[in-house]
Structure formats: structure tokens, C-alpha cells
Amino acid sequence: MTEPNQPTSPSPDADGAPVCPRHPGTVAYVRCQRCERPTCPACQVPGAVGIHCVDCARRASGQRRGVRTVLGGRPVADALVTKSLIGACLLVHAVQFVLPSLSLTLGFAPVVAMAEPWRFVTTALLHASVMHLAFNMWALWVLGNALEPLLGRWRFAALCLLSALGGSTAIYWLASPGSPSWWTLTVGASGAVFGLFATMFLIQRRFGRDTTQIVMLLVLNAVISVVGANISWQGHLGGLLAGGALAAVYAWAPRNRRQAVGLMGTAGLGLLLLALIALRALLV
């Protein structure tokens, strides 16, 4: 017995005219270019060449690979993750005006790193001043609008998260127990931003494009990080290294295995950072 609404072998009607397999009562003189079965107007799907029936069109759609960017990401119409991160930072900074103690709760300090591990990431949402916030959000907007459509949303989000985690991990390792740096509170999305700087540089190199401007920005920010007051060069360095490592995985992954290599690289870097944090905790 044939199930309802399933294609059957076409058979002519009483007058010998061909009928649609899906609608046996409908005469169909147009045939599918793929399977050559009669296809009524309700079942016709325009193709690049001729008319296809709905079944052939569905099979072709399932077999067709989705459109990808040059790095294998799914194209996005807008930088939604970038906008969301900027919105979250702006919201948190507004709350800081009402609750100044929020920095003490969410900011990162090595002395409380293991007792309150969420600080490794939440510190990226906080900023010490309007100027600090403005610079980081400008950099995130410029870099995010260039990188998110290229990498796709999940890889860009992972890059920001792991770069921020890398920044806090570097601060944890480079601070000396008992010294002022062990108690110093650090805030800001600079670790994530430096990870994006590294990503932009590596992707430009990957495709043989000019990197002069990004190198100048990196050098300028590196100098400011070292000579500037109250700036955590350790966090910048950690974000740069973590972001660069993950960007290298995304940029040089084999073309036919980008998705799998990207997932493994992201998970691998995340596990490595967690292992470094655990090792540092054992050595303290």
C-alpha cells in the first residue's frame, strides 16, 4: 500500500494523459529534469536548468554544502556577537556607577583566583574608567566587524572568551605570591582585544595581505602597556598569545577539515588554559 502524499509511479489517466505522482487526479505534461516524472504546478520547483519536482529539489538541497567564508565560517549578516559583547560591557559599566563594589566582586586578583574562579572571565566585562571602556569598545567594534563575518559567530565568540581567559591566566602566573601584584585587582577586556589584534595579524599574513598597520598598532599598544601606569601588560600578553594560538588553528586548518580542526583546537586551548591555572594553584 502506498502511503499518502508519497510519490508513486506515474500512470496515465483514463484519457491516457500523464498525471502527477503526488496528485494522481492532476494531469501534468511538464516533467522533472532530474527524474523525468510528470510534475504538476503545485510540485514544480524552478531550477537552474528546467523544472524539478519537489522530491528531487529536496534531495539536491540536502546534498548541497552550505556557503562558507574563506576560513570556513558561516557567513553572517551582522556582527551580532560583537554587538552583544559591547552591549554587555556598557551595561556592566553603567551598573558600576550605581554599585562601585561590583569591581571587587567580578574583577580578577590572583589572591582570590581559585576561591572565586569566575573572576578569570567576568573581569573582561569591567572597566576602570570611561576612557578605558571607550578604547576597548572601539577596538572591539573595529576588529569584531572585520573578524566575526570571516570566522563565524561561534569561533569569534570562542576567540574572545579564550583570549580573555588567557589574559587572566598570564596575570595569575606572572604575579608573585605575597607581592603587591598578588593582591592587585585588574579589570578590562584588553586581553580579548589583544587576542583579536593577534588574530587580525595572522589572518592578514595567511592570505598575503599587508600587515603594516596592524603591526604598528600592536607595537604602539605594547609600548603603552609597558610604560603606562596601572596597565596590566601581563593580561595583554596572555590575551595576545592565547588569541594568536587559536587564530593559527582557524587560519591554517585543512580546508576539508576546518570544522573538526576548529572544534578540537578550541577545546584543546581551553583545556590547556585550565590545566595551566590548576598547575599554578598547586605551585602557590
C-alpha atoms as a PDB file:
ATOM      1  CA  MET A   1       0.000   0.000   0.000  1.00  0.00           C
ATOM      2  CA  THR A   2       1.303   3.436  -0.908  1.00  0.00           C
ATOM      3  CA  GLU A   3       1.421   5.963   1.938  1.00  0.00           C
ATOM      4  CA  PRO A   4      -0.468   9.245   1.471  1.00  0.00           C
ATOM      5  CA  ASN A   5       1.374  12.143  -0.129  1.00  0.00           C
ATOM      6  CA  GLN A   6       4.273   9.951  -1.306  1.00  0.00           C
ATOM      7  CA  PRO A   7       5.363   9.782  -4.949  1.00  0.00           C
ATOM      8  CA  THR A   8       4.227   6.750  -6.908  1.00  0.00           C
ATOM      9  CA  SER A   9       5.000   5.546 -10.379  1.00  0.00           C
ATOM     10  CA  PRO A  10       3.163   7.819 -12.801  1.00  0.00           C
ATOM     11  CA  SER A  11       0.248   6.262 -14.602  1.00  0.00           C
ATOM     12  CA  PRO A  12      -1.925   7.918 -17.237  1.00  0.00           C
ATOM     13  CA  ASP A  13      -5.496   8.874 -16.501  1.00  0.00           C
ATOM     14  CA  ALA A  14      -8.470   7.412 -18.320  1.00  0.00           C
ATOM     15  CA  ASP A  15      -7.705   9.511 -21.410  1.00  0.00           C
ATOM     16  CA  GLY A  16      -4.045   8.430 -21.432  1.00  0.00           C
ATOM     17  CA  ALA A  17      -2.698  11.821 -20.230  1.00  0.00           C
ATOM     18  CA  PRO A  18       0.257  11.743 -17.742  1.00  0.00           C
ATOM     19  CA  VAL A  19      -0.603  12.558 -14.121  1.00  0.00           C
ATOM     20  CA  CYS A  20       1.455  13.851 -11.200  1.00  0.00           C
ATOM     21  CA  PRO A  21       2.670  11.018  -8.878  1.00  0.00           C
ATOM     22  CA  ARG A  22       1.844  13.128  -5.805  1.00  0.00           C
ATOM     23  CA  HIS A  23      -1.534  14.257  -7.118  1.00  0.00           C
ATOM     24  CA  PRO A  24      -2.935  11.361  -9.208  1.00  0.00           C
ATOM     25  CA  GLY A  25      -6.006  13.390 -10.163  1.00  0.00           C
ATOM     26  CA  THR A  26      -3.970  16.173 -11.761  1.00  0.00           C
ATOM     27  CA  VAL A  27      -2.819  15.971 -15.358  1.00  0.00           C
ATOM     28  CA  ALA A  28       0.822  17.054 -15.731  1.00  0.00           C
ATOM     29  CA  TYR A  29       2.538  17.499 -19.076  1.00  0.00           C
ATOM     30  CA  VAL A  30       5.698  19.066 -17.553  1.00  0.00           C
ATOM     31  CA  ARG A  31       8.373  16.587 -16.500  1.00  0.00           C
ATOM     32  CA  CYS A  32      11.129  16.904 -13.883  1.00  0.00           C
ATOM     33  CA  GLN A  33      14.543  17.487 -15.456  1.00  0.00           C
ATOM     34  CA  ARG A  34      16.135  15.030 -12.990  1.00  0.00           C
ATOM     35  CA  CYS A  35      13.784  12.041 -12.652  1.00  0.00           C
ATOM     36  CA  GLU A  36      11.597  12.772 -15.702  1.00  0.00           C
ATOM     37  CA  ARG A  37       8.345  12.120 -13.813  1.00  0.00           C
ATOM     38  CA  PRO A  38       5.295  14.245 -14.632  1.00  0.00           C
ATOM     39  CA  THR A  39       5.108  17.229 -12.273  1.00  0.00           C
ATOM     40  CA  CYS A  40       2.014  19.347 -11.663  1.00  0.00           C
ATOM     41  CA  PRO A  41       2.244  23.096 -10.966  1.00  0.00           C
ATOM     42  CA  ALA A  42       1.926  22.513  -7.193  1.00  0.00           C
ATOM     43  CA  CYS A  43       5.007  20.263  -7.217  1.00  0.00           C
ATOM     44  CA  GLN A  44       7.201  22.229  -9.614  1.00  0.00           C
ATOM     45  CA  VAL A  45      10.412  23.854  -8.307  1.00  0.00           C
ATOM     46  CA  PRO A  46      12.292  26.126 -10.749  1.00  0.00           C
ATOM     47  CA  GLY A  47      15.904  25.011 -11.130  1.00  0.00           C
ATOM     48  CA  ALA A  48      18.986  26.450 -12.740  1.00  0.00           C
ATOM     49  CA  VAL A  49      18.050  24.374 -15.772  1.00  0.00           C
ATOM     50  CA  GLY A  50      14.397  23.481 -16.263  1.00  0.00           C
ATOM     51  CA  ILE A  51      11.818  22.382 -13.702  1.00  0.00           C
ATOM     52  CA  HIS A  52      12.426  19.942 -10.833  1.00  0.00           C
ATOM     53  CA  CYS A  53       9.881  18.053  -8.748  1.00  0.00           C
ATOM     54  CA  VAL A  54       9.771  18.740  -5.007  1.00  0.00           C
ATOM     55  CA  ASP A  55      11.417  15.400  -4.163  1.00  0.00           C
ATOM     56  CA  CYS A  56      14.437  15.974  -6.411  1.00  0.00           C
ATOM     57  CA  ALA A  57      14.727  19.579  -5.202  1.00  0.00           C
ATOM     58  CA  ARG A  58      14.682  18.423  -1.572  1.00  0.00           C
ATOM     59  CA  ARG A  59      17.378  15.810  -2.173  1.00  0.00           C
ATOM     60  CA  ALA A  60      19.557  18.315  -4.005  1.00  0.00           C
ATOM     61  CA  SER A  61      19.168  20.828  -1.197  1.00  0.00           C
ATOM     62  CA  GLY A  62      20.218  18.256   1.387  1.00  0.00           C
ATOM     63  CA  GLN A  63      23.332  17.352  -0.582  1.00  0.00           C
ATOM     64  CA  ARG A  64      24.383  20.923  -1.277  1.00  0.00           C
ATOM     65  CA  ARG A  65      27.114  22.201   1.040  1.00  0.00           C
ATOM     66  CA  GLY A  66      26.341  25.411   2.879  1.00  0.00           C
ATOM     67  CA  VAL A  67      28.087  28.578   1.788  1.00  0.00           C
ATOM     68  CA  ARG A  68      31.272  29.222   3.765  1.00  0.00           C
ATOM     69  CA  THR A  69      33.741  32.067   4.119  1.00  0.00           C
ATOM     70  CA  VAL A  70      37.391  31.684   3.118  1.00  0.00           C
ATOM     71  CA  LEU A  71      38.090  30.427   6.649  1.00  0.00           C
ATOM     72  CA  GLY A  72      35.174  28.021   6.695  1.00  0.00           C
ATOM     73  CA  GLY A  73      32.807  30.097   8.838  1.00  0.00           C
ATOM     74  CA  ARG A  74      29.114  30.507   8.162  1.00  0.00           C
ATOM     75  CA  PRO A  75      28.519  33.967   6.662  1.00  0.00           C
ATOM     76  CA  VAL A  76      26.611  36.316   8.984  1.00  0.00           C
ATOM     77  CA  ALA A  77      24.658  39.392   8.019  1.00  0.00           C
ATOM     78  CA  ASP A  78      25.827  41.397  11.018  1.00  0.00           C
ATOM     79  CA  ALA A  79      28.339  41.162  13.873  1.00  0.00           C
ATOM     80  CA  LEU A  80      25.809  40.009  16.478  1.00  0.00           C
ATOM     81  CA  VAL A  81      28.380  38.615  18.942  1.00  0.00           C
ATOM     82  CA  THR A  82      30.421  41.822  18.732  1.00  0.00           C
ATOM     83  CA  LYS A  83      27.362  43.962  19.413  1.00  0.00           C
ATOM     84  CA  SER A  84      26.306  41.697  22.282  1.00  0.00           C
ATOM     85  CA  LEU A  85      29.738  41.906  23.940  1.00  0.00           C
ATOM     86  CA  ILE A  86      29.821  45.675  23.594  1.00  0.00           C
ATOM     87  CA  GLY A  87      26.293  45.910  24.978  1.00  0.00           C
ATOM     88  CA  ALA A  88      27.224  43.710  27.950  1.00  0.00           C
ATOM     89  CA  CYS A  89      30.292  45.840  28.749  1.00  0.00           C
ATOM     90  CA  LEU A  90      28.282  49.064  28.517  1.00  0.00           C
ATOM     91  CA  LEU A  91      25.568  47.632  30.761  1.00  0.00           C
ATOM     92  CA  VAL A  92      28.053  46.416  33.362  1.00  0.00           C
ATOM     93  CA  HIS A  93      29.836  49.774  33.361  1.00  0.00           C
ATOM     94  CA  ALA A  94      26.527  51.540  33.956  1.00  0.00           C
ATOM     95  CA  VAL A  95      25.901  49.225  36.912  1.00  0.00           C
ATOM     96  CA  GLN A  96      29.380  50.075  38.223  1.00  0.00           C
ATOM     97  CA  PHE A  97      28.276  53.689  38.652  1.00  0.00           C
ATOM     98  CA  VAL A  98      25.455  52.531  40.918  1.00  0.00           C
ATOM     99  CA  LEU A  99      27.388  49.698  42.595  1.00  0.00           C
ATOM    100  CA  PRO A 100      31.114  50.571  42.670  1.00  0.00           C
ATOM    101  CA  SER A 101      31.703  47.400  44.695  1.00  0.00           C
ATOM    102  CA  LEU A 102      30.933  45.345  41.577  1.00  0.00           C
ATOM    103  CA  SER A 103      34.599  45.544  40.592  1.00  0.00           C
ATOM    104  CA  LEU A 104      35.582  43.955  43.887  1.00  0.00           C
ATOM    105  CA  THR A 105      33.185  41.092  43.173  1.00  0.00           C
ATOM    106  CA  LEU A 106      33.912  40.426  39.496  1.00  0.00           C
ATOM    107  CA  GLY A 107      37.413  41.821  38.903  1.00  0.00           C
ATOM    108  CA  PHE A 108      40.424  39.500  38.814  1.00  0.00           C
ATOM    109  CA  ALA A 109      43.028  39.287  41.573  1.00  0.00           C
ATOM    110  CA  PRO A 110      45.421  36.323  41.921  1.00  0.00           C
ATOM    111  CA  VAL A 111      44.850  36.113  45.654  1.00  0.00           C
ATOM    112  CA  VAL A 112      41.209  35.059  45.169  1.00  0.00           C
ATOM    113  CA  ALA A 113      41.610  33.293  41.821  1.00  0.00           C
ATOM    114  CA  MET A 114      40.861  29.756  42.966  1.00  0.00           C
ATOM    115  CA  ALA A 115      38.330  30.692  45.637  1.00  0.00           C
ATOM    116  CA  GLU A 116      36.287  32.663  43.090  1.00  0.00           C
ATOM    117  CA  PRO A 117      37.257  31.272  39.647  1.00  0.00           C
ATOM    118  CA  TRP A 118      34.512  33.140  37.733  1.00  0.00           C
ATOM    119  CA  ARG A 119      36.732  36.224  38.009  1.00  0.00           C
ATOM    120  CA  PHE A 120      39.027  34.827  35.296  1.00  0.00           C
ATOM    121  CA  VAL A 121      36.309  35.720  32.760  1.00  0.00           C
ATOM    122  CA  THR A 122      33.988  38.261  34.387  1.00  0.00           C
ATOM    123  CA  THR A 123      36.849  40.731  34.754  1.00  0.00           C
ATOM    124  CA  ALA A 124      36.641  41.292  30.978  1.00  0.00           C
ATOM    125  CA  LEU A 125      33.238  42.945  31.392  1.00  0.00           C
ATOM    126  CA  LEU A 126      34.529  45.580  33.821  1.00  0.00           C
ATOM    127  CA  HIS A 127      36.441  48.785  33.080  1.00  0.00           C
ATOM    128  CA  ALA A 128      38.285  51.233  35.300  1.00  0.00           C
ATOM    129  CA  SER A 129      37.145  54.432  33.563  1.00  0.00           C
ATOM    130  CA  VAL A 130      35.120  55.791  30.689  1.00  0.00           C
ATOM    131  CA  MET A 131      38.331  56.249  28.675  1.00  0.00           C
ATOM    132  CA  HIS A 132      39.339  52.650  29.337  1.00  0.00           C
ATOM    133  CA  LEU A 133      35.895  51.467  28.255  1.00  0.00           C
ATOM    134  CA  ALA A 134      35.843  53.714  25.166  1.00  0.00           C
ATOM    135  CA  PHE A 135      39.180  52.457  23.817  1.00  0.00           C
ATOM    136  CA  ASN A 136      38.370  48.784  24.324  1.00  0.00           C
ATOM    137  CA  MET A 137      34.889  49.091  22.828  1.00  0.00           C
ATOM    138  CA  TRP A 138      36.235  50.999  19.818  1.00  0.00           C
ATOM    139  CA  ALA A 139      38.844  48.279  19.226  1.00  0.00           C
ATOM    140  CA  LEU A 140      36.247  45.538  19.727  1.00  0.00           C
ATOM    141  CA  TRP A 141      33.880  47.233  17.269  1.00  0.00           C
ATOM    142  CA  VAL A 142      36.510  47.666  14.544  1.00  0.00           C
ATOM    143  CA  LEU A 143      38.083  44.229  14.917  1.00  0.00           C
ATOM    144  CA  GLY A 144      34.804  42.432  15.555  1.00  0.00           C
ATOM    145  CA  ASN A 145      33.118  43.794  12.451  1.00  0.00           C
ATOM    146  CA  ALA A 146      36.064  42.578  10.390  1.00  0.00           C
ATOM    147  CA  LEU A 147      36.620  39.192  12.042  1.00  0.00           C
ATOM    148  CA  GLU A 148      33.176  37.920  13.069  1.00  0.00           C
ATOM    149  CA  PRO A 149      31.789  37.698   9.495  1.00  0.00           C
ATOM    150  CA  LEU A 150      35.001  35.927   8.475  1.00  0.00           C
ATOM    151  CA  LEU A 151      35.229  33.429  11.328  1.00  0.00           C
ATOM    152  CA  GLY A 152      31.541  32.887  12.005  1.00  0.00           C
ATOM    153  CA  ARG A 153      29.805  33.504  15.306  1.00  0.00           C
ATOM    154  CA  TRP A 154      30.833  30.535  17.423  1.00  0.00           C
ATOM    155  CA  ARG A 155      34.529  30.752  16.545  1.00  0.00           C
ATOM    156  CA  PHE A 156      34.606  34.512  17.106  1.00  0.00           C
ATOM    157  CA  ALA A 157      32.869  34.099  20.482  1.00  0.00           C
ATOM    158  CA  ALA A 158      35.323  31.336  21.449  1.00  0.00           C
ATOM    159  CA  LEU A 159      38.230  33.535  20.394  1.00  0.00           C
ATOM    160  CA  CYS A 160      37.077  36.415  22.623  1.00  0.00           C
ATOM    161  CA  LEU A 161      36.373  34.133  25.586  1.00  0.00           C
ATOM    162  CA  LEU A 162      39.666  32.230  25.454  1.00  0.00           C
ATOM    163  CA  SER A 163      41.695  35.388  24.830  1.00  0.00           C
ATOM    164  CA  ALA A 164      40.157  36.937  27.958  1.00  0.00           C
ATOM    165  CA  LEU A 165      40.843  33.723  29.896  1.00  0.00           C
ATOM    166  CA  GLY A 166      44.409  33.701  28.555  1.00  0.00           C
ATOM    167  CA  GLY A 167      44.927  37.234  29.831  1.00  0.00           C
ATOM    168  CA  SER A 168      43.818  36.336  33.355  1.00  0.00           C
ATOM    169  CA  THR A 169      45.883  33.144  33.266  1.00  0.00           C
ATOM    170  CA  ALA A 170      49.030  35.134  32.415  1.00  0.00           C
ATOM    171  CA  ILE A 171      48.337  37.549  35.293  1.00  0.00           C
ATOM    172  CA  TYR A 172      47.927  34.573  37.629  1.00  0.00           C
ATOM    173  CA  TRP A 173      51.241  33.044  36.543  1.00  0.00           C
ATOM    174  CA  LEU A 174      53.331  36.231  36.447  1.00  0.00           C
ATOM    175  CA  ALA A 175      52.201  37.623  39.799  1.00  0.00           C
ATOM    176  CA  SER A 176      54.393  36.724  42.788  1.00  0.00           C
ATOM    177  CA  PRO A 177      52.622  35.401  45.913  1.00  0.00           C
ATOM    178  CA  GLY A 178      52.997  37.880  48.748  1.00  0.00           C
ATOM    179  CA  SER A 179      53.910  40.780  46.450  1.00  0.00           C
ATOM    180  CA  PRO A 180      51.595  43.746  45.714  1.00  0.00           C
ATOM    181  CA  SER A 181      50.803  42.220  42.303  1.00  0.00           C
ATOM    182  CA  TRP A 182      49.262  39.211  44.065  1.00  0.00           C
ATOM    183  CA  TRP A 183      46.646  41.497  45.604  1.00  0.00           C
ATOM    184  CA  THR A 184      46.204  43.903  42.695  1.00  0.00           C
ATOM    185  CA  LEU A 185      42.752  43.956  41.103  1.00  0.00           C
ATOM    186  CA  THR A 186      42.694  44.065  37.292  1.00  0.00           C
ATOM    187  CA  VAL A 187      39.706  44.762  35.054  1.00  0.00           C
ATOM    188  CA  GLY A 188      39.061  45.218  31.353  1.00  0.00           C
ATOM    189  CA  ALA A 189      38.512  43.486  28.026  1.00  0.00           C
ATOM    190  CA  SER A 190      42.070  44.249  26.904  1.00  0.00           C
ATOM    191  CA  GLY A 191      43.064  40.568  26.943  1.00  0.00           C
ATOM    192  CA  ALA A 192      40.285  39.766  24.499  1.00  0.00           C
ATOM    193  CA  VAL A 193      41.136  42.813  22.366  1.00  0.00           C
ATOM    194  CA  PHE A 194      44.805  41.822  22.130  1.00  0.00           C
ATOM    195  CA  GLY A 195      43.697  38.347  21.107  1.00  0.00           C
ATOM    196  CA  LEU A 196      41.741  39.933  18.265  1.00  0.00           C
ATOM    197  CA  PHE A 197      44.773  42.027  17.275  1.00  0.00           C
ATOM    198  CA  ALA A 198      46.818  38.830  17.021  1.00  0.00           C
ATOM    199  CA  THR A 199      44.061  37.182  15.001  1.00  0.00           C
ATOM    200  CA  MET A 200      43.885  40.045  12.530  1.00  0.00           C
ATOM    201  CA  PHE A 201      47.654  39.953  12.069  1.00  0.00           C
ATOM    202  CA  LEU A 202      47.767  36.184  11.457  1.00  0.00           C
ATOM    203  CA  ILE A 203      44.824  36.173   9.057  1.00  0.00           C
ATOM    204  CA  GLN A 204      46.364  39.015   7.069  1.00  0.00           C
ATOM    205  CA  ARG A 205      49.609  37.041   6.900  1.00  0.00           C
ATOM    206  CA  ARG A 206      47.746  33.865   5.981  1.00  0.00           C
ATOM    207  CA  PHE A 207      46.357  35.483   2.830  1.00  0.00           C
ATOM    208  CA  GLY A 208      49.439  37.513   1.966  1.00  0.00           C
ATOM    209  CA  ARG A 209      47.938  40.893   2.768  1.00  0.00           C
ATOM    210  CA  ASP A 210      49.708  43.972   4.107  1.00  0.00           C
ATOM    211  CA  THR A 211      50.167  43.856   7.901  1.00  0.00           C
ATOM    212  CA  THR A 212      51.918  47.203   8.370  1.00  0.00           C
ATOM    213  CA  GLN A 213      49.010  48.940  10.092  1.00  0.00           C
ATOM    214  CA  ILE A 214      48.212  46.080  12.466  1.00  0.00           C
ATOM    215  CA  VAL A 215      51.926  45.757  13.383  1.00  0.00           C
ATOM    216  CA  MET A 216      52.097  49.477  14.147  1.00  0.00           C
ATOM    217  CA  LEU A 217      49.010  49.205  16.363  1.00  0.00           C
ATOM    218  CA  LEU A 218      50.462  46.196  18.180  1.00  0.00           C
ATOM    219  CA  VAL A 219      53.798  47.921  18.772  1.00  0.00           C
ATOM    220  CA  LEU A 220      52.104  51.112  19.959  1.00  0.00           C
ATOM    221  CA  ASN A 221      49.868  49.222  22.373  1.00  0.00           C
ATOM    222  CA  ALA A 222      52.788  47.113  23.588  1.00  0.00           C
ATOM    223  CA  VAL A 223      54.762  50.253  24.412  1.00  0.00           C
ATOM    224  CA  ILE A 224      51.780  51.797  26.204  1.00  0.00           C
ATOM    225  CA  SER A 225      51.277  48.533  28.114  1.00  0.00           C
ATOM    226  CA  VAL A 226      54.854  48.561  29.406  1.00  0.00           C
ATOM    227  CA  VAL A 227      55.422  52.256  30.142  1.00  0.00           C
ATOM    228  CA  GLY A 228      51.875  53.238  31.085  1.00  0.00           C
ATOM    229  CA  ALA A 229      50.775  53.436  34.700  1.00  0.00           C
ATOM    230  CA  ASN A 230      48.202  50.996  36.081  1.00  0.00           C
ATOM    231  CA  ILE A 231      48.184  48.902  32.897  1.00  0.00           C
ATOM    232  CA  SER A 232      48.404  45.116  33.084  1.00  0.00           C
ATOM    233  CA  TRP A 233      50.938  44.179  30.415  1.00  0.00           C
ATOM    234  CA  GLN A 234      50.634  40.598  31.679  1.00  0.00           C
ATOM    235  CA  GLY A 235      46.965  40.458  30.708  1.00  0.00           C
ATOM    236  CA  HIS A 236      47.726  41.947  27.307  1.00  0.00           C
ATOM    237  CA  LEU A 237      50.488  39.391  26.718  1.00  0.00           C
ATOM    238  CA  GLY A 238      48.307  36.462  27.773  1.00  0.00           C
ATOM    239  CA  GLY A 239      45.445  37.555  25.535  1.00  0.00           C
ATOM    240  CA  LEU A 240      47.821  38.062  22.615  1.00  0.00           C
ATOM    241  CA  LEU A 241      49.329  34.576  22.972  1.00  0.00           C
ATOM    242  CA  ALA A 242      46.018  32.773  23.523  1.00  0.00           C
ATOM    243  CA  GLY A 243      44.265  34.591  20.688  1.00  0.00           C
ATOM    244  CA  GLY A 244      47.205  34.082  18.365  1.00  0.00           C
ATOM    245  CA  ALA A 245      47.362  30.354  19.092  1.00  0.00           C
ATOM    246  CA  LEU A 246      43.670  29.861  18.376  1.00  0.00           C
ATOM    247  CA  ALA A 247      43.774  32.117  15.306  1.00  0.00           C
ATOM    248  CA  ALA A 248      46.593  29.994  13.884  1.00  0.00           C
ATOM    249  CA  VAL A 249      44.410  26.902  14.235  1.00  0.00           C
ATOM    250  CA  TYR A 250      41.497  28.596  12.468  1.00  0.00           C
ATOM    251  CA  ALA A 251      43.636  30.124   9.717  1.00  0.00           C
ATOM    252  CA  TRP A 252      45.758  27.093   8.810  1.00  0.00           C
ATOM    253  CA  ALA A 253      43.233  24.289   9.354  1.00  0.00           C
ATOM    254  CA  PRO A 254      42.992  21.955   6.319  1.00  0.00           C
ATOM    255  CA  ARG A 255      40.229  23.156   4.031  1.00  0.00           C
ATOM    256  CA  ASN A 256      38.279  19.896   4.126  1.00  0.00           C
ATOM    257  CA  ARG A 257      38.526  19.592   7.935  1.00  0.00           C
ATOM    258  CA  ARG A 258      38.115  23.159   9.128  1.00  0.00           C
ATOM    259  CA  GLN A 259      35.066  22.463  11.289  1.00  0.00           C
ATOM    260  CA  ALA A 260      36.583  19.461  13.086  1.00  0.00           C
ATOM    261  CA  VAL A 261      40.029  21.047  13.496  1.00  0.00           C
ATOM    262  CA  GLY A 262      38.439  24.285  14.712  1.00  0.00           C
ATOM    263  CA  LEU A 263      36.420  22.457  17.361  1.00  0.00           C
ATOM    264  CA  MET A 264      39.396  20.386  18.505  1.00  0.00           C
ATOM    265  CA  GLY A 265      41.674  23.434  18.585  1.00  0.00           C
ATOM    266  CA  THR A 266      39.165  25.467  20.595  1.00  0.00           C
ATOM    267  CA  ALA A 267      38.613  22.652  23.097  1.00  0.00           C
ATOM    268  CA  GLY A 268      42.348  21.965  23.270  1.00  0.00           C
ATOM    269  CA  LEU A 269      43.258  25.574  24.067  1.00  0.00           C
ATOM    270  CA  GLY A 270      40.503  25.768  26.667  1.00  0.00           C
ATOM    271  CA  LEU A 271      41.783  22.605  28.383  1.00  0.00           C
ATOM    272  CA  LEU A 272      45.376  23.872  28.218  1.00  0.00           C
ATOM    273  CA  LEU A 273      44.461  27.140  29.935  1.00  0.00           C
ATOM    274  CA  LEU A 274      42.526  25.286  32.634  1.00  0.00           C
ATOM    275  CA  ALA A 275      45.499  22.967  33.151  1.00  0.00           C
ATOM    276  CA  LEU A 276      47.840  25.961  33.496  1.00  0.00           C
ATOM    277  CA  ILE A 277      45.520  27.505  36.066  1.00  0.00           C
ATOM    278  CA  ALA A 278      45.372  24.253  38.037  1.00  0.00           C
ATOM    279  CA  LEU A 279      49.165  23.856  37.907  1.00  0.00           C
ATOM    280  CA  ARG A 280      49.704  27.404  39.129  1.00  0.00           C
ATOM    281  CA  ALA A 281      47.331  26.782  42.017  1.00  0.00           C
ATOM    282  CA  LEU A 282      49.384  23.727  43.036  1.00  0.00           C
ATOM    283  CA  LEU A 283      52.623  25.715  42.947  1.00  0.00           C
ATOM    284  CA  VAL A 284      51.371  28.611  45.081  1.00  0.00           C
END
